[in-house]
């Protein structure tokens, strides 16, 4: 997960640099330069900050840094999610893709804000659960870039694949997160 997050963060940074932008990234910048720059650079920051947060050893040893990275992650997720919601309306793939990416943005910002609310209330367990959900949605940036070449390898054109990918890049991620959280939830309820 961490290596994939860092790799896609590198891609996002390169997409923000005019000389290394792909044609696809260039079309997003033509639609909204500010939204695209926020989405790509902010996305890189959020991917990296979130990946580091999952290290228990790091979190235990450097709690102060963990808290600051958490603040950066929350602000970044709000900025990037808002930019993503705006960019969703210009996505390839028509209405299905617009709704897929739009729902991703709304769910991502929502999960992040719920996680933030729980840590402010001192509920670490619920904060961790919601951060798992939030980062699962952050990892849509990774799974999107896995699905695109897979669809192309199987001979499905980008235009045909992208509406499905707009949902596949995040819905399975959140389902896996929920599946991972079930045993944790069962342990809590059985000990109560």
Protein backbone atom coordinates (compact mmCIF):
# COMPACT_ATOMS: atom_id res chain seq x y z
CA UNK A 1 0.00 0.00 0.00
CA UNK A 2 2.74 2.44 0.98
CA UNK A 3 4.83 1.83 -2.14
CA UNK A 4 1.77 2.22 -4.39
CA UNK A 5 0.77 5.41 -2.57
CA UNK A 6 4.25 6.89 -3.00
CA UNK A 7 4.35 5.87 -6.68
CA UNK A 8 1.00 7.50 -7.45
CA UNK A 9 2.04 10.57 -5.44
CA UNK A 10 5.04 10.80 -7.77
CA UNK A 11 2.72 10.56 -10.76
CA UNK A 12 0.51 13.30 -9.30
CA UNK A 13 3.48 15.59 -8.82
CA UNK A 14 4.60 14.99 -12.40
CA UNK A 15 1.05 15.74 -13.61
CA UNK A 16 1.30 19.15 -11.95
CA UNK A 17 4.48 20.02 -13.87
CA UNK A 18 3.62 21.34 -17.35
CA UNK A 19 6.56 19.68 -19.13
CA UNK A 20 5.73 16.20 -17.78
CA UNK A 21 1.92 16.30 -17.99
CA UNK A 22 0.04 13.63 -19.89
CA UNK A 23 -2.54 14.63 -22.46
CA UNK A 24 -5.27 13.53 -20.03
CA UNK A 25 -3.88 15.70 -17.20
CA UNK A 26 -3.50 18.60 -19.62
CA UNK A 27 -7.21 18.41 -20.46
CA UNK A 28 -8.05 18.69 -16.74
CA UNK A 29 -5.81 21.75 -16.43
CA UNK A 30 -7.57 23.32 -19.40
CA UNK A 31 -10.90 22.85 -17.60
CA UNK A 32 -9.63 24.24 -14.28
CA UNK A 33 -5.99 25.01 -13.58
CA UNK A 34 -6.59 25.76 -9.88
CA UNK A 35 -8.81 22.71 -9.35
CA UNK A 36 -6.35 20.44 -11.15
CA UNK A 37 -3.30 21.79 -9.32
CA UNK A 38 -5.12 21.39 -5.99
CA UNK A 39 -6.20 17.89 -6.94
CA UNK A 40 -2.79 16.65 -8.11
CA UNK A 41 -0.44 18.32 -5.60
CA UNK A 42 -2.87 18.00 -2.71
CA UNK A 43 -3.50 14.39 -3.66
CA UNK A 44 0.23 13.64 -3.54
CA UNK A 45 0.49 15.18 -0.07
CA UNK A 46 -2.55 13.29 1.23
CA UNK A 47 -1.37 9.95 -0.21
CA UNK A 48 2.02 10.32 1.48
CA UNK A 49 0.75 11.74 4.80
CA UNK A 50 -1.90 9.04 5.06
CA UNK A 51 0.49 6.19 4.28
CA UNK A 52 2.87 7.30 7.02
CA UNK A 53 0.02 7.49 9.55
CA UNK A 54 -0.59 3.73 9.38
CA UNK A 55 2.76 2.86 10.94
CA UNK A 56 2.02 1.99 14.57
CA UNK A 57 5.70 2.31 15.41
CA UNK A 58 5.88 5.79 13.90
CA UNK A 59 2.61 6.85 15.55
CA UNK A 60 3.81 5.64 18.97
CA UNK A 61 7.30 7.14 18.74
CA UNK A 62 6.36 10.44 17.13
CA UNK A 63 2.87 11.28 18.36
CA UNK A 64 3.42 15.01 17.86
CA UNK A 65 4.38 14.49 14.19
CA UNK A 66 1.46 12.06 13.80
CA UNK A 67 -0.90 14.79 14.94
CA UNK A 68 0.58 17.36 12.55
CA UNK A 69 0.48 14.93 9.63
CA UNK A 70 -3.12 14.20 10.59
CA UNK A 71 -3.97 17.89 10.37
CA UNK A 72 -2.27 18.10 6.98
CA UNK A 73 -4.19 15.01 5.85
CA UNK A 74 -7.56 16.40 6.96
CA UNK A 75 -7.01 19.79 5.33
CA UNK A 76 -5.63 18.10 2.23
CA UNK A 77 -8.56 15.68 1.96
CA UNK A 78 -11.02 18.57 2.21
CA UNK A 79 -9.18 20.61 -0.43
CA UNK A 80 -8.54 17.67 -2.77
CA UNK A 81 -12.03 16.24 -2.26
CA UNK A 82 -13.63 19.60 -3.01
CA UNK A 83 -11.46 19.99 -6.12
CA UNK A 84 -12.33 16.41 -7.07
CA UNK A 85 -16.04 17.14 -6.75
CA UNK A 86 -15.65 20.14 -9.03
CA UNK A 87 -13.54 18.16 -11.54
CA UNK A 88 -16.01 15.25 -11.47
CA UNK A 89 -18.36 17.29 -13.62
CA UNK A 90 -15.74 17.44 -16.38
CA UNK A 91 -14.66 13.81 -16.17
CA UNK A 92 -14.66 11.56 -19.20
CA UNK A 93 -17.35 8.92 -19.22
CA UNK A 94 -20.47 11.04 -19.05
CA UNK A 95 -23.05 11.17 -16.28
CA UNK A 96 -22.16 7.78 -14.80
CA UNK A 97 -18.54 8.85 -14.30
CA UNK A 98 -19.59 12.29 -13.03
CA UNK A 99 -21.68 10.64 -10.32
CA UNK A 100 -19.02 8.00 -9.56
CA UNK A 101 -16.27 10.54 -9.00
CA UNK A 102 -18.66 12.99 -7.36
CA UNK A 103 -19.79 10.39 -4.83
CA UNK A 104 -16.17 9.46 -4.17
CA UNK A 105 -15.40 13.09 -3.35
CA UNK A 106 -18.41 13.46 -1.05
CA UNK A 107 -17.76 10.18 0.77
CA UNK A 108 -14.05 10.94 1.14
CA UNK A 109 -14.56 14.39 2.63
CA UNK A 110 -17.38 13.04 4.80
CA UNK A 111 -15.37 10.10 6.18
CA UNK A 112 -12.41 12.38 6.89
CA UNK A 113 -14.56 14.91 8.76
CA UNK A 114 -16.19 12.15 10.82
CA UNK A 115 -12.71 10.83 11.72
CA UNK A 116 -11.63 14.34 12.72
CA UNK A 117 -14.77 14.81 14.84
CA UNK A 118 -14.05 11.54 16.70
CA UNK A 119 -10.46 12.44 17.52
CA UNK A 120 -11.54 15.87 18.74
CA UNK A 121 -14.03 14.07 21.02
CA UNK A 122 -11.24 11.78 22.28
CA UNK A 123 -12.61 8.58 20.75
CA UNK A 124 -9.43 7.08 19.33
CA UNK A 125 -10.98 3.77 18.22
CA UNK A 126 -13.72 5.40 16.15
CA UNK A 127 -11.18 7.91 14.83
CA UNK A 128 -8.98 5.04 13.63
CA UNK A 129 -11.95 3.23 12.05
CA UNK A 130 -13.00 6.32 10.13
CA UNK A 131 -9.43 7.07 9.08
CA UNK A 132 -9.22 3.56 7.64
CA UNK A 133 -12.36 4.35 5.65
CA UNK A 134 -10.98 7.73 4.60
CA UNK A 135 -7.66 6.31 3.46
CA UNK A 136 -9.41 3.49 1.61
CA UNK A 137 -11.11 6.26 -0.38
CA UNK A 138 -7.79 8.09 -0.79
CA UNK A 139 -6.41 4.91 -2.34
CA UNK A 140 -8.92 5.31 -5.17
CA UNK A 141 -6.07 7.25 -6.79
CA UNK A 142 -4.08 4.01 -6.79
CA UNK A 143 -6.82 1.59 -7.79
CA UNK A 144 -7.94 3.89 -10.62
CA UNK A 145 -4.48 3.56 -12.11
CA UNK A 146 -4.59 -0.21 -11.73
CA UNK A 147 -7.97 -0.60 -13.42
CA UNK A 148 -7.29 1.59 -16.46
CA UNK A 149 -4.48 -0.60 -17.88
CA UNK A 150 -6.31 -3.80 -16.90
CA UNK A 151 -9.37 -2.78 -18.90
CA UNK A 152 -7.17 -1.79 -21.84
CA UNK A 153 -5.30 -5.13 -21.69
CA UNK A 154 -8.64 -6.92 -21.93
CA UNK A 155 -9.50 -4.88 -25.01
CA UNK A 156 -12.05 -2.57 -23.43
CA UNK A 157 -11.65 0.97 -24.70
CA UNK A 158 -10.97 3.81 -22.28
CA UNK A 159 -14.29 5.47 -23.19
CA UNK A 160 -16.21 2.28 -22.41
CA UNK A 161 -14.21 1.45 -19.27
CA UNK A 162 -14.03 4.83 -17.56
CA UNK A 163 -17.67 5.03 -16.35
CA UNK A 164 -17.26 1.66 -14.60
CA UNK A 165 -13.80 2.60 -13.29
CA UNK A 166 -15.24 5.77 -11.74
CA UNK A 167 -17.06 3.45 -9.32
CA UNK A 168 -14.65 0.49 -9.24
CA UNK A 169 -11.75 2.67 -8.10
CA UNK A 170 -13.40 3.31 -4.73
CA UNK A 171 -16.42 1.12 -3.96
CA UNK A 172 -14.37 -2.11 -3.55
CA UNK A 173 -11.85 -0.17 -1.44
CA UNK A 174 -14.50 0.93 1.04
CA UNK A 175 -16.04 -2.56 1.10
CA UNK A 176 -12.62 -4.05 1.92
CA UNK A 177 -12.15 -1.45 4.66
CA UNK A 178 -15.52 -2.39 6.15
CA UNK A 179 -14.62 -6.07 5.93
CA UNK A 180 -11.36 -5.38 7.78
CA UNK A 181 -13.21 -3.41 10.45
CA UNK A 182 -15.79 -6.15 11.18
CA UNK A 183 -13.49 -8.35 13.32
CA UNK A 184 -12.42 -5.27 15.24
CA UNK A 185 -16.05 -4.32 15.83
CA UNK A 186 -16.90 -7.88 16.91
CA UNK A 187 -14.03 -7.88 19.43
CA UNK A 188 -15.29 -4.64 20.93
CA UNK A 189 -18.90 -5.87 21.22
CA UNK A 190 -17.96 -9.30 22.60
CA UNK A 191 -15.86 -7.73 25.37
CA UNK A 192 -18.63 -5.35 26.39
